Protein backbone atom coordinates (compact mmCIF):
# COMPACT_ATOMS: atom_id res chain seq x y z
CA MET A 1 -100.86 -32.33 -55.17
CA ALA A 2 -102.25 -30.30 -52.33
CA VAL A 3 -100.97 -32.74 -49.98
CA PHE A 4 -97.53 -32.72 -51.47
CA LEU A 5 -97.73 -29.27 -51.29
CA PHE A 6 -99.02 -29.01 -47.95
CA LEU A 7 -96.17 -31.52 -46.57
CA VAL A 8 -94.02 -29.06 -48.33
CA LEU A 9 -94.94 -26.73 -46.56
CA VAL A 10 -95.24 -28.16 -42.83
CA SER A 11 -91.34 -29.25 -43.42
CA ALA A 12 -90.60 -25.96 -44.71
CA GLY A 13 -92.12 -24.48 -41.24
CA VAL A 14 -90.00 -27.10 -39.28
CA PHE A 15 -86.91 -26.35 -40.82
CA LEU A 16 -87.32 -22.87 -40.36
CA ASP A 17 -88.67 -23.46 -36.71
CA THR A 18 -85.65 -25.22 -36.14
CA THR A 19 -83.18 -22.71 -37.69
CA GLU A 20 -84.51 -19.31 -36.01
CA ALA A 21 -83.97 -20.98 -32.76
CA GLN A 22 -80.30 -21.96 -33.68
CA GLU A 23 -79.59 -18.50 -35.20
CA ASP A 24 -81.13 -17.09 -31.40
CA LEU A 25 -78.61 -19.23 -29.39
CA SER A 26 -75.75 -17.77 -32.01
CA LYS A 27 -76.31 -14.42 -31.71
CA LEU A 28 -76.48 -14.50 -27.85
CA PRO A 29 -73.40 -12.69 -26.33
CA ASP A 30 -70.53 -15.39 -24.93
CA ASN A 31 -72.07 -14.31 -21.26
CA TYR A 32 -75.49 -15.34 -21.76
CA ARG A 33 -74.69 -18.54 -24.01
CA LYS A 34 -72.69 -19.99 -20.88
CA GLY A 35 -75.42 -19.68 -18.42
CA VAL A 36 -77.89 -21.33 -21.33
CA GLU A 37 -75.34 -24.16 -21.49
CA LEU A 38 -75.47 -24.55 -17.94
CA ALA A 39 -79.16 -24.81 -18.03
CA VAL A 40 -79.37 -27.27 -20.62
CA GLU A 41 -76.66 -29.57 -19.11
CA GLN A 42 -78.55 -29.29 -15.64
CA ILE A 43 -82.05 -30.30 -17.50
CA ASN A 44 -80.80 -32.82 -19.57
CA SER A 45 -79.09 -34.53 -16.76
CA TYR A 46 -82.34 -35.44 -14.60
CA GLN A 47 -82.69 -38.93 -14.71
CA THR A 48 -86.78 -38.58 -15.75
CA ILE A 49 -85.72 -36.95 -18.83
CA GLN A 50 -85.29 -39.39 -21.84
CA ILE A 51 -84.67 -36.91 -24.56
CA VAL A 52 -82.90 -34.08 -25.22
CA PHE A 53 -83.65 -30.41 -24.77
CA LEU A 54 -82.17 -27.58 -26.34
CA PHE A 55 -82.37 -23.80 -26.45
CA PHE A 56 -85.37 -22.14 -28.11
CA LYS A 57 -85.95 -18.41 -27.50
CA SER A 58 -84.93 -15.86 -25.31
CA LEU A 59 -87.75 -14.05 -23.42
CA ASP A 60 -85.55 -11.60 -21.46
CA LYS A 61 -82.23 -10.63 -20.35
CA SER A 62 -80.44 -8.09 -18.53
CA ASP A 63 -77.08 -7.51 -16.70
CA ILE A 64 -75.00 -5.48 -14.12
CA ASP A 65 -71.64 -4.12 -14.82
CA GLY A 66 -70.10 -4.48 -11.58
CA GLY A 67 -66.64 -3.39 -13.07
CA PHE A 68 -63.65 -4.69 -12.96
CA GLY A 69 -64.40 -7.73 -15.36
CA VAL A 70 -67.56 -8.38 -13.17
CA SER A 71 -70.97 -8.50 -14.53
CA TYR A 72 -74.14 -10.16 -12.96
CA LEU A 73 -76.85 -11.61 -15.31
CA TYR A 74 -80.20 -12.62 -15.37
CA HIS A 75 -81.79 -14.33 -18.64
CA ARG A 76 -84.94 -15.64 -19.24
CA PHE A 77 -85.58 -18.38 -22.23
CA TYR A 78 -87.58 -21.44 -23.08
CA LEU A 79 -86.31 -25.07 -23.57
CA LYS A 80 -87.87 -26.91 -25.87
CA ALA A 81 -87.94 -30.98 -26.77
CA THR A 82 -86.12 -32.58 -29.68
CA ARG A 83 -86.20 -35.85 -31.32
CA CYS A 84 -83.00 -36.65 -29.99
CA PRO A 85 -82.62 -39.59 -27.19
CA LYS A 86 -80.82 -38.89 -24.27
CA GLY A 87 -77.21 -39.56 -24.70
CA THR A 88 -76.88 -37.82 -28.37
CA GLU A 89 -73.45 -36.91 -28.87
CA ASN A 90 -73.06 -32.75 -29.68
CA PRO A 91 -77.15 -32.48 -30.23
CA ASN A 92 -77.95 -29.67 -31.75
CA PRO A 93 -80.98 -28.20 -33.51
CA SER A 94 -79.69 -29.11 -37.23
CA LYS A 95 -79.58 -32.80 -35.85
CA CYS A 96 -81.98 -32.97 -33.49
CA ALA A 97 -85.36 -31.63 -34.84
CA PHE A 98 -87.55 -29.72 -32.42
CA ARG A 99 -90.95 -31.55 -31.14
CA ASN A 100 -94.20 -29.95 -31.01
CA ASP A 101 -95.75 -32.34 -28.95
CA ARG A 102 -93.82 -31.55 -25.60
CA PRO A 103 -94.63 -28.77 -23.43
CA LEU A 104 -91.83 -26.06 -23.64
CA ILE A 105 -89.62 -25.47 -20.21
CA ASP A 106 -89.38 -22.21 -18.90
CA CYS A 107 -86.01 -21.39 -17.43
CA GLY A 108 -84.70 -17.93 -15.45
CA ILE A 109 -81.21 -18.13 -14.59
CA CYS A 110 -79.00 -15.66 -12.78
CA TYR A 111 -75.06 -15.72 -12.22
CA LYS A 112 -72.08 -13.68 -11.64
CA ILE A 113 -69.48 -14.16 -14.27
CA HIS A 114 -65.95 -12.71 -14.30
CA ASP A 115 -64.08 -12.67 -17.27
CA GLY A 116 -65.91 -14.89 -19.22
CA GLU A 117 -66.43 -17.56 -16.41
CA ILE A 118 -69.31 -18.12 -14.30
CA GLN A 119 -68.15 -17.65 -10.92
CA THR A 120 -69.32 -20.29 -8.09
CA GLU A 121 -69.88 -17.85 -5.29
CA PRO A 122 -72.69 -16.69 -5.22
CA LYS A 123 -73.85 -20.02 -6.90
CA ALA A 124 -75.87 -19.55 -9.89
CA TYR A 125 -79.34 -19.72 -9.59
CA VAL A 126 -81.34 -21.98 -12.35
CA HIS A 127 -84.72 -22.46 -12.32
CA CYS A 128 -86.52 -23.98 -15.03
CA ILE A 129 -90.25 -25.56 -15.04
CA TYR A 130 -92.58 -26.78 -17.47
CA LYS A 131 -94.49 -24.10 -19.28
CA PRO A 132 -97.88 -25.04 -18.07
CA GLN A 133 -96.55 -24.84 -14.35
CA ILE A 134 -95.65 -21.60 -14.49
CA THR A 135 -97.45 -19.01 -12.49
CA GLN A 136 -96.96 -15.34 -11.78
CA ASP A 137 -96.16 -16.13 -8.06
CA LEU A 138 -92.87 -18.67 -9.51
CA LEU A 139 -91.82 -15.97 -11.37
CA LYS A 140 -92.20 -13.23 -8.81
CA THR A 141 -90.53 -15.68 -6.46
CA ARG A 142 -87.51 -16.21 -9.19
CA ALA A 143 -86.75 -12.49 -9.80
CA GLU A 144 -87.16 -11.73 -5.56
CA HIS A 145 -84.24 -14.60 -5.45
CA CYS A 146 -82.17 -13.23 -8.11
CA SER A 147 -82.70 -10.03 -6.76
CA ASN A 148 -81.56 -10.91 -2.83
CA MET A 149 -78.39 -13.14 -4.50
CA SER A 150 -75.40 -12.03 -2.35
CA TYR A 151 -73.94 -9.79 -4.68
CA ALA A 152 -71.65 -7.05 -3.43
CA ASN A 153 -71.98 -4.59 -5.54
CA GLY A 154 -71.95 -1.84 -2.76
CA SER A 155 -68.68 -3.05 -1.39
CA PRO A 156 -65.72 -1.50 -1.41
CA SER A 157 -63.78 -1.56 -4.71
CA LEU A 158 -59.78 -0.95 -5.41
CA LEU A 159 -60.56 2.75 -6.14
CA ALA A 160 -61.71 3.17 -2.31
CA ALA A 161 -58.60 1.46 -1.04
CA LYS A 162 -56.20 4.12 1.11
CA LYS A 163 -52.97 3.99 0.28
CA PRO A 164 -51.15 3.12 3.70
């Protein structure tokens, strides 16, 4: 009986873990969700990765409103391995259970978004690395790269234009 109770509790914990991650992704604003989708697409496209990784948890988010429908976003989050093999159609946490035997992937992404679309200039910066390999130096380098991207926040806007 104790073994059965243990299995029920473990199964419930896995289910709660899975649904919690899915809820977090669905609660993200669309602009952040698009960045997560970009990172997931890139990670899952690597030939050496044979399983599907999905969004697991947000760690840090920030944005700067550039005006005129433009925002500059930074998002740090974890991706987690699932039991689904690469090539699974429409993977999601309810279909592909998370695995606990693989390290998380720590991702940091910064990009410019205009009217809900990630812009090609400046190019979105996606930096993902297995969590055990992340160091304070890497986090600092990631933050510096995002800070130094060629965002033109101080450039003249339509409000600064002079009438002819």
